[in-house]
Structure formats: structure tokens, C-alpha cells
Amino acid sequence: MEVTVYILRCSDGSYYTGLTKQTVESRLWEHNEGICDGFTKRRRPVELVFTETYDRILDAIARERQIKGWSRAKKEALIALDYEALPGLARNRQEKADAKRPRGSTSSP
């Protein structure tokens, strides 16, 4: 059984990440028809911008969760297939979080 992880660009410029066992074209149609309640219903039309296919549903679920946790910049690098940029974007996000932490703060175990 094939499972597809996909990213949609919504009409407001936001991104939606999902997965499907049906054809990605069928799922895209459902999103655009408003059949899917939730995030994309008020952000139609949506455009398919990225797909990955997996043989195991557990692998697809793990990848969907991973992508959902990414920043917009990192999702855009993935959409552009700029795999070399992905590690740097992860580090930049951590550096930004560190910069927001007040000086002299320490975390205790």
C-alpha cells in the first residue's frame, strides 16, 4: 500500500501538510471542493506543491509530523528540493530560540 505525504499551498499563502492512501489528485480535489473540514476549507483554492510516497504508513506518519513541526522557511526549502539548505535552517531556528533567551539564564535538570 502506498501512502503519500503532501504539502498544499493555500490561497492565503499558508501551507498545509497531510497524508493520504488514495491518489493525491483525489485528495487535492477533496480539499478544493471543501469536502475536508478543517484548515484548508476556508483557504481554498489550494495548490499541490510537494509529494513524497512511502510504502509503510508508519513512515509516512512520521514524515508528516516532522514536516508539520518545521518553519515556513524549511518547508519552502523542501518544496524547492533544496535538501542542502535543510540542516542549516534547523540550526538557524535553534540559534534564534537561543537569542531570545535572557542572558545568564540556565536550565537546571
Protein backbone atom coordinates (compact mmCIF):
# COMPACT_ATOMS: atom_id res chain seq x y z
CA MET A 1 0.00 0.00 0.00
CA GLU A 2 1.38 3.39 -0.97
CA VAL A 3 0.91 6.42 1.25
CA THR A 4 1.61 9.94 0.02
CA VAL A 5 2.74 12.81 2.19
CA TYR A 6 1.84 16.11 0.54
CA ILE A 7 2.10 19.85 1.04
CA LEU A 8 -0.54 22.25 -0.25
CA ARG A 9 -0.14 25.99 -0.71
CA CYS A 10 -3.38 27.67 0.32
CA SER A 11 -4.90 30.79 -1.22
CA ASP A 12 -3.68 32.87 1.75
CA GLY A 13 -0.09 31.67 1.24
CA SER A 14 -0.08 29.28 4.19
CA TYR A 15 0.98 25.64 3.88
CA TYR A 16 -0.94 22.51 4.81
CA THR A 17 0.81 19.15 5.24
CA GLY A 18 -1.17 15.93 5.09
CA LEU A 19 -1.07 12.32 4.01
CA THR A 20 -3.35 10.07 2.02
CA LYS A 21 -3.72 6.46 0.94
CA GLN A 22 -5.80 7.47 -2.07
CA THR A 23 -4.35 9.16 -5.13
CA VAL A 24 -3.01 12.60 -4.33
CA GLU A 25 -5.12 14.01 -7.18
CA SER A 26 -8.29 12.69 -5.49
CA ARG A 27 -7.26 14.14 -2.16
CA LEU A 28 -6.45 17.51 -3.77
CA TRP A 29 -9.90 17.52 -5.37
CA GLU A 30 -11.49 16.87 -1.94
CA HIS A 31 -9.61 19.79 -0.42
CA ASN A 32 -10.63 22.13 -3.24
CA GLU A 33 -14.28 21.05 -3.12
CA GLY A 34 -14.43 21.78 0.60
CA ILE A 35 -15.18 18.17 1.48
CA CYS A 36 -12.40 18.24 4.06
CA ASP A 37 -13.46 20.18 7.13
CA GLY A 38 -10.64 21.95 8.82
CA PHE A 39 -7.64 24.06 7.89
CA THR A 40 -7.99 24.15 4.10
CA LYS A 41 -11.74 24.64 3.85
CA ARG A 42 -11.56 28.42 4.34
CA ARG A 43 -8.29 28.75 2.45
CA ARG A 44 -9.37 27.48 -0.96
CA PRO A 45 -8.29 27.06 -3.62
CA VAL A 46 -5.25 25.03 -2.67
CA GLU A 47 -2.36 24.02 -4.90
CA LEU A 48 -0.28 20.85 -4.61
CA VAL A 49 3.38 21.87 -4.24
CA PHE A 50 5.15 18.76 -2.87
CA THR A 51 4.73 14.99 -2.56
CA GLU A 52 6.67 12.03 -1.18
CA THR A 53 5.47 8.44 -1.40
CA TYR A 54 6.05 5.75 1.22
CA ASP A 55 5.43 2.01 1.29
CA ARG A 56 4.76 1.96 5.03
CA ILE A 57 2.11 4.10 6.69
CA LEU A 58 4.20 4.49 9.85
CA ASP A 59 7.00 6.07 7.80
CA ALA A 60 4.51 8.46 6.18
CA ILE A 61 3.01 9.44 9.55
CA ALA A 62 6.47 10.13 10.97
CA ARG A 63 7.40 12.28 7.96
CA GLU A 64 4.11 14.22 8.09
CA ARG A 65 4.68 15.02 11.77
CA GLN A 66 8.27 16.02 11.08
CA ILE A 67 7.30 18.45 8.31
CA LYS A 68 4.42 19.92 10.35
CA GLY A 69 6.97 20.91 13.01
CA TRP A 70 9.16 22.78 10.54
CA SER A 71 9.37 26.51 9.99
CA ARG A 72 7.93 28.09 6.87
CA ALA A 73 11.47 28.64 5.51
CA LYS A 74 12.35 24.98 5.96
CA LYS A 75 9.11 23.85 4.27
CA GLU A 76 9.88 26.18 1.36
CA ALA A 77 13.37 24.70 1.03
CA LEU A 78 11.83 21.21 0.92
CA ILE A 79 9.29 22.32 -1.71
CA ALA A 80 12.18 23.74 -3.77
CA LEU A 81 14.01 20.39 -3.30
CA ASP A 82 16.90 22.32 -1.71
CA TYR A 83 17.91 19.46 0.57
CA GLU A 84 21.30 21.03 1.30
CA ALA A 85 19.59 24.01 2.98
CA LEU A 86 17.52 21.92 5.39
CA PRO A 87 20.17 21.30 8.08
CA GLY A 88 21.13 24.98 8.15
CA LEU A 89 17.55 26.04 8.60
CA ALA A 90 17.22 23.73 11.58
CA ARG A 91 20.30 25.26 13.21
CA ASN A 92 19.11 28.80 12.50
CA ARG A 93 15.85 28.13 14.27
CA GLN A 94 17.68 26.90 17.36
CA GLU A 95 20.02 29.90 17.26
CA LYS A 96 17.00 32.24 17.13
CA ALA A 97 15.49 30.49 20.14
CA ASP A 98 18.79 30.80 22.00
CA ALA A 99 18.97 34.51 21.15
CA LYS A 100 15.54 35.10 22.71
CA ARG A 101 16.61 33.51 26.00
CA PRO A 102 17.68 36.15 28.56
CA ARG A 103 21.41 36.32 29.20
CA GLY A 104 22.54 34.45 32.28
CA SER A 105 19.60 32.04 32.07
CA THR A 106 20.46 28.49 32.73
CA SER A 107 18.31 25.45 32.68
CA SER A 108 18.56 23.11 35.60
CA PRO A 109 17.88 19.38 35.37
